[in-house]
Amino acid sequence: MPKTRASRTLPAQRERVWEVVADPHSLPRWWPRTQRVEDIGRRRWTEVLRTEKGRAVRVDQRLEASEPPALRRWRQELAGEALEGLERACGS
């Protein structure tokens, strides 16, 4: 299964960075192609992504791990054909 991992050093306090990373509402500010986030629950949410061709794609996410202020891990709930379709739509 494909995985993505990213890290970056920011000139900010860990607690402030955590506030942004832990809030799904803030994803459009920093996660590539995210236009908005909907249906936010305690451990799930839906991202609306915009493809290079301008098409909106809905992607359900599920929180897998959260250890403030160091770890935030979530998983896209897509498999097989749906994942391939998303990759094609987003230009991957």
PDB file of N, CA and C in Angstrom:
ATOM      1  N   MET A   1       0.843  -1.177   0.000  1.00  0.00           N
ATOM      2  CA  MET A   1       0.000   0.000   0.000  1.00  0.00           C
ATOM      3  C   MET A   1       0.888   1.241   0.000  1.00  0.00           C
ATOM      4  N   PRO A   2       0.614   2.204  -0.880  1.00  0.00           N
ATOM      5  CA  PRO A   2       1.409   3.427  -0.931  1.00  0.00           C
ATOM      6  C   PRO A   2       1.277   4.229   0.361  1.00  0.00           C
ATOM      7  N   LYS A   3       2.368   4.841   0.760  1.00  0.00           N
ATOM      8  CA  LYS A   3       2.362   5.696   1.949  1.00  0.00           C
ATOM      9  C   LYS A   3       3.062   6.995   1.617  1.00  0.00           C
ATOM     10  N   THR A   4       2.638   8.039   2.294  1.00  0.00           N
ATOM     11  CA  THR A   4       3.274   9.340   2.154  1.00  0.00           C
ATOM     12  C   THR A   4       3.718   9.795   3.528  1.00  0.00           C
ATOM     13  N   ARG A   5       4.900  10.328   3.596  1.00  0.00           N
ATOM     14  CA  ARG A   5       5.400  10.857   4.852  1.00  0.00           C
ATOM     15  C   ARG A   5       6.056  12.188   4.551  1.00  0.00           C
ATOM     16  N   ALA A   6       5.811  13.156   5.395  1.00  0.00           N
ATOM     17  CA  ALA A   6       6.399  14.473   5.182  1.00  0.00           C
ATOM     18  C   ALA A   6       6.862  15.038   6.517  1.00  0.00           C
ATOM     19  N   SER A   7       7.930  15.795   6.469  1.00  0.00           N
ATOM     20  CA  SER A   7       8.378  16.491   7.675  1.00  0.00           C
ATOM     21  C   SER A   7       8.959  17.834   7.257  1.00  0.00           C
ATOM     22  N   ARG A   8       8.889  18.757   8.173  1.00  0.00           N
ATOM     23  CA  ARG A   8       9.390  20.097   7.909  1.00  0.00           C
ATOM     24  C   ARG A   8       9.659  20.753   9.253  1.00  0.00           C
ATOM     25  N   THR A   9      10.711  21.521   9.331  1.00  0.00           N
ATOM     26  CA  THR A   9      11.018  22.287  10.528  1.00  0.00           C
ATOM     27  C   THR A   9      10.427  23.683  10.347  1.00  0.00           C
ATOM     28  N   LEU A  10       9.628  24.093  11.316  1.00  0.00           N
ATOM     29  CA  LEU A  10       8.968  25.398  11.240  1.00  0.00           C
ATOM     30  C   LEU A  10       9.422  26.290  12.382  1.00  0.00           C
ATOM     31  N   PRO A  11       9.508  27.582  12.120  1.00  0.00           N
ATOM     32  CA  PRO A  11       9.879  28.515  13.182  1.00  0.00           C
ATOM     33  C   PRO A  11       8.656  28.862  14.039  1.00  0.00           C
ATOM     34  N   ALA A  12       8.112  27.853  14.711  1.00  0.00           N
ATOM     35  CA  ALA A  12       6.911  28.057  15.529  1.00  0.00           C
ATOM     36  C   ALA A  12       6.932  27.079  16.696  1.00  0.00           C
ATOM     37  N   GLN A  13       6.179  27.397  17.720  1.00  0.00           N
ATOM     38  CA  GLN A  13       6.081  26.502  18.861  1.00  0.00           C
ATOM     39  C   GLN A  13       5.339  25.232  18.460  1.00  0.00           C
ATOM     40  N   ARG A  14       5.752  24.083  19.016  1.00  0.00           N
ATOM     41  CA  ARG A  14       5.121  22.798  18.697  1.00  0.00           C
ATOM     42  C   ARG A  14       3.615  22.829  18.941  1.00  0.00           C
ATOM     43  N   GLU A  15       3.209  23.460  20.021  1.00  0.00           N
ATOM     44  CA  GLU A  15       1.786  23.495  20.357  1.00  0.00           C
ATOM     45  C   GLU A  15       0.979  24.238  19.300  1.00  0.00           C
ATOM     46  N   ARG A  16       1.540  25.297  18.770  1.00  0.00           N
ATOM     47  CA  ARG A  16       0.850  26.067  17.717  1.00  0.00           C
ATOM     48  C   ARG A  16       0.756  25.261  16.420  1.00  0.00           C
ATOM     49  N   VAL A  17       1.844  24.595  16.059  1.00  0.00           N
ATOM     50  CA  VAL A  17       1.831  23.739  14.873  1.00  0.00           C
ATOM     51  C   VAL A  17       0.800  22.633  15.058  1.00  0.00           C
ATOM     52  N   TRP A  18       0.761  22.046  16.251  1.00  0.00           N
ATOM     53  CA  TRP A  18      -0.195  20.969  16.526  1.00  0.00           C
ATOM     54  C   TRP A  18      -1.640  21.440  16.349  1.00  0.00           C
ATOM     55  N   GLU A  19      -1.939  22.653  16.783  1.00  0.00           N
ATOM     56  CA  GLU A  19      -3.302  23.182  16.621  1.00  0.00           C
ATOM     57  C   GLU A  19      -3.731  23.155  15.160  1.00  0.00           C
ATOM     58  N   VAL A  20      -2.821  23.455  14.261  1.00  0.00           N
ATOM     59  CA  VAL A  20      -3.133  23.489  12.832  1.00  0.00           C
ATOM     60  C   VAL A  20      -3.224  22.062  12.271  1.00  0.00           C
ATOM     61  N   VAL A  21      -2.239  21.244  12.578  1.00  0.00           N
ATOM     62  CA  VAL A  21      -2.190  19.885  12.036  1.00  0.00           C
ATOM     63  C   VAL A  21      -3.346  19.022  12.544  1.00  0.00           C
ATOM     64  N   ALA A  22      -3.757  19.214  13.769  1.00  0.00           N
ATOM     65  CA  ALA A  22      -4.788  18.370  14.372  1.00  0.00           C
ATOM     66  C   ALA A  22      -6.212  18.783  14.014  1.00  0.00           C
ATOM     67  N   ASP A  23      -6.382  19.908  13.348  1.00  0.00           N
ATOM     68  CA  ASP A  23      -7.717  20.395  13.020  1.00  0.00           C
ATOM     69  C   ASP A  23      -8.019  20.167  11.539  1.00  0.00           C
ATOM     70  N   PRO A  24      -8.908  19.212  11.201  1.00  0.00           N
ATOM     71  CA  PRO A  24      -9.209  18.970   9.794  1.00  0.00           C
ATOM     72  C   PRO A  24      -9.698  20.211   9.039  1.00  0.00           C
ATOM     73  N   HIS A  25     -10.332  21.157   9.741  1.00  0.00           N
ATOM     74  CA  HIS A  25     -10.777  22.388   9.071  1.00  0.00           C
ATOM     75  C   HIS A  25      -9.609  23.162   8.461  1.00  0.00           C
ATOM     76  N   SER A  26      -8.410  23.004   8.996  1.00  0.00           N
ATOM     77  CA  SER A  26      -7.271  23.771   8.485  1.00  0.00           C
ATOM     78  C   SER A  26      -6.568  23.092   7.312  1.00  0.00           C
ATOM     79  N   LEU A  27      -6.962  21.886   6.933  1.00  0.00           N
ATOM     80  CA  LEU A  27      -6.298  21.172   5.832  1.00  0.00           C
ATOM     81  C   LEU A  27      -6.203  21.978   4.532  1.00  0.00           C
ATOM     82  N   PRO A  28      -7.224  22.717   4.129  1.00  0.00           N
ATOM     83  CA  PRO A  28      -7.084  23.478   2.879  1.00  0.00           C
ATOM     84  C   PRO A  28      -5.942  24.494   2.908  1.00  0.00           C
ATOM     85  N   ARG A  29      -5.506  24.900   4.081  1.00  0.00           N
ATOM     86  CA  ARG A  29      -4.402  25.869   4.184  1.00  0.00           C
ATOM     87  C   ARG A  29      -3.051  25.228   3.916  1.00  0.00           C
ATOM     88  N   TRP A  30      -2.923  23.903   4.117  1.00  0.00           N
ATOM     89  CA  TRP A  30      -1.592  23.322   4.007  1.00  0.00           C
ATOM     90  C   TRP A  30      -1.509  21.978   3.291  1.00  0.00           C
ATOM     91  N   TRP A  31      -2.607  21.277   3.049  1.00  0.00           N
ATOM     92  CA  TRP A  31      -2.539  19.977   2.376  1.00  0.00           C
ATOM     93  C   TRP A  31      -2.818  20.173   0.889  1.00  0.00           C
ATOM     94  N   PRO A  32      -1.920  19.696   0.011  1.00  0.00           N
ATOM     95  CA  PRO A  32      -2.056  19.938  -1.429  1.00  0.00           C
ATOM     96  C   PRO A  32      -3.415  19.522  -1.991  1.00  0.00           C
ATOM     97  N   ARG A  33      -3.958  20.380  -2.811  1.00  0.00           N
ATOM     98  CA  ARG A  33      -5.195  20.171  -3.572  1.00  0.00           C
ATOM     99  C   ARG A  33      -6.483  20.160  -2.742  1.00  0.00           C
ATOM    100  N   THR A  34      -6.399  20.278  -1.430  1.00  0.00           N
ATOM    101  CA  THR A  34      -7.618  20.261  -0.616  1.00  0.00           C
ATOM    102  C   THR A  34      -8.330  21.598  -0.736  1.00  0.00           C
ATOM    103  N   GLN A  35      -9.594  21.549  -1.183  1.00  0.00           N
ATOM    104  CA  GLN A  35     -10.405  22.753  -1.311  1.00  0.00           C
ATOM    105  C   GLN A  35     -11.211  23.028  -0.055  1.00  0.00           C
ATOM    106  N   ARG A  36     -11.785  21.957   0.494  1.00  0.00           N
ATOM    107  CA  ARG A  36     -12.571  22.093   1.718  1.00  0.00           C
ATOM    108  C   ARG A  36     -12.669  20.731   2.400  1.00  0.00           C
ATOM    109  N   VAL A  37     -13.134  20.760   3.642  1.00  0.00           N
ATOM    110  CA  VAL A  37     -13.322  19.543   4.424  1.00  0.00           C
ATOM    111  C   VAL A  37     -14.758  19.530   4.923  1.00  0.00           C
ATOM    112  N   GLU A  38     -15.402  18.379   4.803  1.00  0.00           N
ATOM    113  CA  GLU A  38     -16.809  18.235   5.187  1.00  0.00           C
ATOM    114  C   GLU A  38     -16.982  17.052   6.135  1.00  0.00           C
ATOM    115  N   ASP A  39     -18.172  16.973   6.713  1.00  0.00           N
ATOM    116  CA  ASP A  39     -18.568  15.809   7.519  1.00  0.00           C
ATOM    117  C   ASP A  39     -17.519  15.434   8.562  1.00  0.00           C
ATOM    118  N   ILE A  40     -17.053  16.430   9.277  1.00  0.00           N
ATOM    119  CA  ILE A  40     -16.006  16.172  10.258  1.00  0.00           C
ATOM    120  C   ILE A  40     -16.602  15.535  11.507  1.00  0.00           C
ATOM    121  N   GLY A  41     -16.083  14.387  11.846  1.00  0.00           N
ATOM    122  CA  GLY A  41     -16.450  13.702  13.069  1.00  0.00           C
ATOM    123  C   GLY A  41     -15.223  13.584  13.958  1.00  0.00           C
ATOM    124  N   ARG A  42     -15.339  12.832  15.006  1.00  0.00           N
ATOM    125  CA  ARG A  42     -14.230  12.707  15.948  1.00  0.00           C
ATOM    126  C   ARG A  42     -13.005  12.058  15.309  1.00  0.00           C
ATOM    127  N   ARG A  43     -13.215  11.029  14.471  1.00  0.00           N
ATOM    128  CA  ARG A  43     -12.098  10.304  13.868  1.00  0.00           C
ATOM    129  C   ARG A  43     -12.208  10.172  12.352  1.00  0.00           C
ATOM    130  N   ARG A  44     -13.156  10.863  11.734  1.00  0.00           N
ATOM    131  CA  ARG A  44     -13.361  10.772  10.279  1.00  0.00           C
ATOM    132  C   ARG A  44     -13.713  12.143   9.707  1.00  0.00           C
ATOM    133  N   TRP A  45     -13.386  12.305   8.436  1.00  0.00           N
ATOM    134  CA  TRP A  45     -13.787  13.508   7.714  1.00  0.00           C
ATOM    135  C   TRP A  45     -13.687  13.229   6.216  1.00  0.00           C
ATOM    136  N   THR A  46     -14.253  14.112   5.416  1.00  0.00           N
ATOM    137  CA  THR A  46     -14.196  13.997   3.968  1.00  0.00           C
ATOM    138  C   THR A  46     -13.509  15.233   3.413  1.00  0.00           C
ATOM    139  N   GLU A  47     -12.484  15.006   2.606  1.00  0.00           N
ATOM    140  CA  GLU A  47     -11.797  16.104   1.924  1.00  0.00           C
ATOM    141  C   GLU A  47     -12.350  16.209   0.514  1.00  0.00           C
ATOM    142  N   VAL A  48     -12.513  17.429   0.052  1.00  0.00           N
ATOM    143  CA  VAL A  48     -12.861  17.667  -1.346  1.00  0.00           C
ATOM    144  C   VAL A  48     -11.598  18.221  -1.990  1.00  0.00           C
ATOM    145  N   LEU A  49     -11.021  17.416  -2.881  1.00  0.00           N
ATOM    146  CA  LEU A  49      -9.782  17.780  -3.561  1.00  0.00           C
ATOM    147  C   LEU A  49     -10.108  18.323  -4.947  1.00  0.00           C
ATOM    148  N   ARG A  50      -9.259  19.189  -5.462  1.00  0.00           N
ATOM    149  CA  ARG A  50      -9.417  19.734  -6.816  1.00  0.00           C
ATOM    150  C   ARG A  50      -8.286  19.160  -7.672  1.00  0.00           C
ATOM    151  N   THR A  51      -8.638  18.505  -8.773  1.00  0.00           N
ATOM    152  CA  THR A  51      -7.632  17.923  -9.654  1.00  0.00           C
ATOM    153  C   THR A  51      -6.988  19.010 -10.509  1.00  0.00           C
ATOM    154  N   GLU A  52      -5.921  18.632 -11.213  1.00  0.00           N
ATOM    155  CA  GLU A  52      -5.264  19.574 -12.128  1.00  0.00           C
ATOM    156  C   GLU A  52      -6.225  20.049 -13.212  1.00  0.00           C
ATOM    157  N   LYS A  53      -7.195  19.214 -13.552  1.00  0.00           N
ATOM    158  CA  LYS A  53      -8.179  19.571 -14.584  1.00  0.00           C
ATOM    159  C   LYS A  53      -9.383  20.299 -14.001  1.00  0.00           C
ATOM    160  N   GLY A  54      -9.363  20.582 -12.699  1.00  0.00           N
ATOM    161  CA  GLY A  54     -10.432  21.340 -12.076  1.00  0.00           C
ATOM    162  C   GLY A  54     -11.600  20.522 -11.548  1.00  0.00           C
ATOM    163  N   ARG A  55     -11.498  19.226 -11.617  1.00  0.00           N
ATOM    164  CA  ARG A  55     -12.573  18.345 -11.151  1.00  0.00           C
ATOM    165  C   ARG A  55     -12.497  18.164  -9.628  1.00  0.00           C
ATOM    166  N   ALA A  56     -13.653  18.140  -8.972  1.00  0.00           N
ATOM    167  CA  ALA A  56     -13.699  17.906  -7.528  1.00  0.00           C
ATOM    168  C   ALA A  56     -13.749  16.399  -7.271  1.00  0.00           C
ATOM    169  N   VAL A  57     -12.932  15.944  -6.328  1.00  0.00           N
ATOM    170  CA  VAL A  57     -12.889  14.534  -5.945  1.00  0.00           C
ATOM    171  C   VAL A  57     -13.051  14.464  -4.438  1.00  0.00           C
ATOM    172  N   ARG A  58     -13.993  13.641  -3.981  1.00  0.00           N
ATOM    173  CA  ARG A  58     -14.244  13.474  -2.546  1.00  0.00           C
ATOM    174  C   ARG A  58     -13.431  12.287  -2.023  1.00  0.00           C
ATOM    175  N   VAL A  59     -12.732  12.503  -0.916  1.00  0.00           N
ATOM    176  CA  VAL A  59     -11.899  11.458  -0.332  1.00  0.00           C
ATOM    177  C   VAL A  59     -12.202  11.362   1.161  1.00  0.00           C
ATOM    178  N   ASP A  60     -12.651  10.189   1.595  1.00  0.00           N
ATOM    179  CA  ASP A  60     -12.905   9.965   3.019  1.00  0.00           C
ATOM    180  C   ASP A  60     -11.593   9.642   3.723  1.00  0.00           C
ATOM    181  N   GLN A  61     -11.425  10.218   4.906  1.00  0.00           N
ATOM    182  CA  GLN A  61     -10.215  10.028   5.706  1.00  0.00           C
ATOM    183  C   GLN A  61     -10.605   9.463   7.072  1.00  0.00           C
ATOM    184  N   ARG A  62      -9.690   8.675   7.642  1.00  0.00           N
ATOM    185  CA  ARG A  62      -9.917   8.123   8.986  1.00  0.00           C
ATOM    186  C   ARG A  62      -8.658   8.319   9.811  1.00  0.00           C
ATOM    187  N   LEU A  63      -8.815   8.912  10.980  1.00  0.00           N
ATOM    188  CA  LEU A  63      -7.695   9.121  11.889  1.00  0.00           C
ATOM    189  C   LEU A  63      -7.230   7.777  12.436  1.00  0.00           C
ATOM    190  N   GLU A  64      -5.940   7.508  12.315  1.00  0.00           N
ATOM    191  CA  GLU A  64      -5.382   6.249  12.810  1.00  0.00           C
ATOM    192  C   GLU A  64      -4.628   6.420  14.120  1.00  0.00           C
ATOM    193  N   ALA A  65      -3.916   7.537  14.261  1.00  0.00           N
ATOM    194  CA  ALA A  65      -3.120   7.741  15.475  1.00  0.00           C
ATOM    195  C   ALA A  65      -2.971   9.234  15.733  1.00  0.00           C
ATOM    196  N   SER A  66      -2.987   9.574  17.001  1.00  0.00           N
ATOM    197  CA  SER A  66      -2.811  10.962  17.397  1.00  0.00           C
ATOM    198  C   SER A  66      -2.130  10.988  18.755  1.00  0.00           C
ATOM    199  N   GLU A  67      -0.910  11.521  18.768  1.00  0.00           N
ATOM    200  CA  GLU A  67      -0.128  11.638  19.998  1.00  0.00           C
ATOM    201  C   GLU A  67       0.392  13.070  20.104  1.00  0.00           C
ATOM    202  N   PRO A  68      -0.428  13.954  20.666  1.00  0.00           N
ATOM    203  CA  PRO A  68      -0.034  15.366  20.755  1.00  0.00           C
ATOM    204  C   PRO A  68       1.267  15.544  21.531  1.00  0.00           C
ATOM    205  N   PRO A  69       2.099  16.446  21.134  1.00  0.00           N
ATOM    206  CA  PRO A  69       2.073  17.234  19.900  1.00  0.00           C
ATOM    207  C   PRO A  69       3.026  16.694  18.845  1.00  0.00           C
ATOM    208  N   ALA A  70       3.181  15.374  18.733  1.00  0.00           N
ATOM    209  CA  ALA A  70       4.223  14.843  17.864  1.00  0.00           C
ATOM    210  C   ALA A  70       3.738  13.998  16.679  1.00  0.00           C
ATOM    211  N   LEU A  71       2.603  13.330  16.784  1.00  0.00           N
ATOM    212  CA  LEU A  71       2.200  12.393  15.737  1.00  0.00           C
ATOM    213  C   LEU A  71       0.733  12.573  15.377  1.00  0.00           C
ATOM    214  N   ARG A  72       0.471  12.669  14.079  1.00  0.00           N
ATOM    215  CA  ARG A  72      -0.908  12.720  13.566  1.00  0.00           C
ATOM    216  C   ARG A  72      -0.906  11.883  12.294  1.00  0.00           C
ATOM    217  N   ARG A  73      -1.617  10.760  12.302  1.00  0.00           N
ATOM    218  CA  ARG A  73      -1.611   9.870  11.147  1.00  0.00           C
ATOM    219  C   ARG A  73      -3.046   9.533  10.766  1.00  0.00           C
ATOM    220  N   TRP A  74      -3.353   9.687   9.465  1.00  0.00           N
ATOM    221  CA  TRP A  74      -4.673   9.340   8.982  1.00  0.00           C
ATOM    222  C   TRP A  74      -4.536   8.539   7.694  1.00  0.00           C
ATOM    223  N   ARG A  75      -5.623   7.874   7.320  1.00  0.00           N
ATOM    224  CA  ARG A  75      -5.630   7.001   6.145  1.00  0.00           C
ATOM    225  C   ARG A  75      -6.783   7.366   5.226  1.00  0.00           C
ATOM    226  N   GLN A  76      -6.487   7.392   3.927  1.00  0.00           N
ATOM    227  CA  GLN A  76      -7.548   7.556   2.950  1.00  0.00           C
ATOM    228  C   GLN A  76      -8.292   6.240   2.840  1.00  0.00           C
ATOM    229  N   GLU A  77      -9.595   6.311   2.862  1.00  0.00           N
ATOM    230  CA  GLU A  77     -10.389   5.094   2.773  1.00  0.00           C
ATOM    231  C   GLU A  77     -10.775   4.831   1.320  1.00  0.00           C
ATOM    232  N   LEU A  78      -9.770   4.440   0.544  1.00  0.00           N
ATOM    233  CA  LEU A  78      -9.935   4.094  -0.865  1.00  0.00           C
ATOM    234  C   LEU A  78      -9.181   2.788  -1.120  1.00  0.00           C
ATOM    235  N   ALA A  79      -9.659   2.015  -2.054  1.00  0.00           N
ATOM    236  CA  ALA A  79      -8.951   0.792  -2.412  1.00  0.00           C
ATOM    237  C   ALA A  79      -9.175   0.487  -3.885  1.00  0.00           C
ATOM    238  N   GLY A  80      -8.245  -0.236  -4.465  1.00  0.00           N
ATOM    239  CA  GLY A  80      -8.389  -0.747  -5.815  1.00  0.00           C
ATOM    240  C   GLY A  80      -8.722   0.302  -6.848  1.00  0.00           C
ATOM    241  N   GLU A  81      -9.845   0.118  -7.531  1.00  0.00           N
ATOM    242  CA  GLU A  81     -10.239   1.001  -8.625  1.00  0.00           C
ATOM    243  C   GLU A  81     -10.450   2.437  -8.172  1.00  0.00           C
ATOM    244  N   ALA A  82     -10.992   2.624  -6.980  1.00  0.00           N
ATOM    245  CA  ALA A  82     -11.217   3.991  -6.491  1.00  0.00           C
ATOM    246  C   ALA A  82      -9.895   4.725  -6.330  1.00  0.00           C
ATOM    247  N   LEU A  83      -8.871   4.060  -5.796  1.00  0.00           N
ATOM    248  CA  LEU A  83      -7.562   4.671  -5.613  1.00  0.00           C
ATOM    249  C   LEU A  83      -6.929   4.974  -6.972  1.00  0.00           C
ATOM    250  N   GLU A  84      -7.021   4.041  -7.902  1.00  0.00           N
ATOM    251  CA  GLU A  84      -6.473   4.272  -9.240  1.00  0.00           C
ATOM    252  C   GLU A  84      -7.167   5.451  -9.909  1.00  0.00           C
ATOM    253  N   GLY A  85      -8.493   5.558  -9.740  1.00  0.00           N
ATOM    254  CA  GLY A  85      -9.231   6.668 -10.314  1.00  0.00           C
ATOM    255  C   GLY A  85      -8.798   8.003  -9.726  1.00  0.00           C
ATOM    256  N   LEU A  86      -8.579   8.032  -8.413  1.00  0.00           N
ATOM    257  CA  LEU A  86      -8.123   9.255  -7.758  1.00  0.00           C
ATOM    258  C   LEU A  86      -6.745   9.637  -8.276  1.00  0.00           C
ATOM    259  N   GLU A  87      -5.846   8.676  -8.393  1.00  0.00           N
ATOM    260  CA  GLU A  87      -4.502   8.966  -8.890  1.00  0.00           C
ATOM    261  C   GLU A  87      -4.561   9.535 -10.302  1.00  0.00           C
ATOM    262  N   ARG A  88      -5.392   8.953 -11.169  1.00  0.00           N
ATOM    263  CA  ARG A  88      -5.532   9.469 -12.545  1.00  0.00           C
ATOM    264  C   ARG A  88      -6.128  10.879 -12.528  1.00  0.00           C
ATOM    265  N   ALA A  89      -7.168  11.089 -11.718  1.00  0.00           N
ATOM    266  CA  ALA A  89      -7.852  12.389 -11.684  1.00  0.00           C
ATOM    267  C   ALA A  89      -6.942  13.488 -11.165  1.00  0.00           C
ATOM    268  N   CYS A  90      -6.071  13.146 -10.205  1.00  0.00           N
ATOM    269  CA  CYS A  90      -5.203  14.154  -9.603  1.00  0.00           C
ATOM    270  C   CYS A  90      -3.883  14.307 -10.370  1.00  0.00           C
ATOM    271  N   GLY A  91      -3.683  13.504 -11.371  1.00  0.00           N
ATOM    272  CA  GLY A  91      -2.474  13.652 -12.189  1.00  0.00           C
ATOM    273  C   GLY A  91      -1.270  12.975 -11.601  1.00  0.00           C
ATOM    274  N   SER A  92      -1.455  11.944 -10.759  1.00  0.00           N
ATOM    275  CA  SER A  92      -0.333  11.225 -10.162  1.00  0.00           C
ATOM    276  C   SER A  92       0.267  10.248 -11.140  1.00  0.00           C
TER     277      SER A  92
END
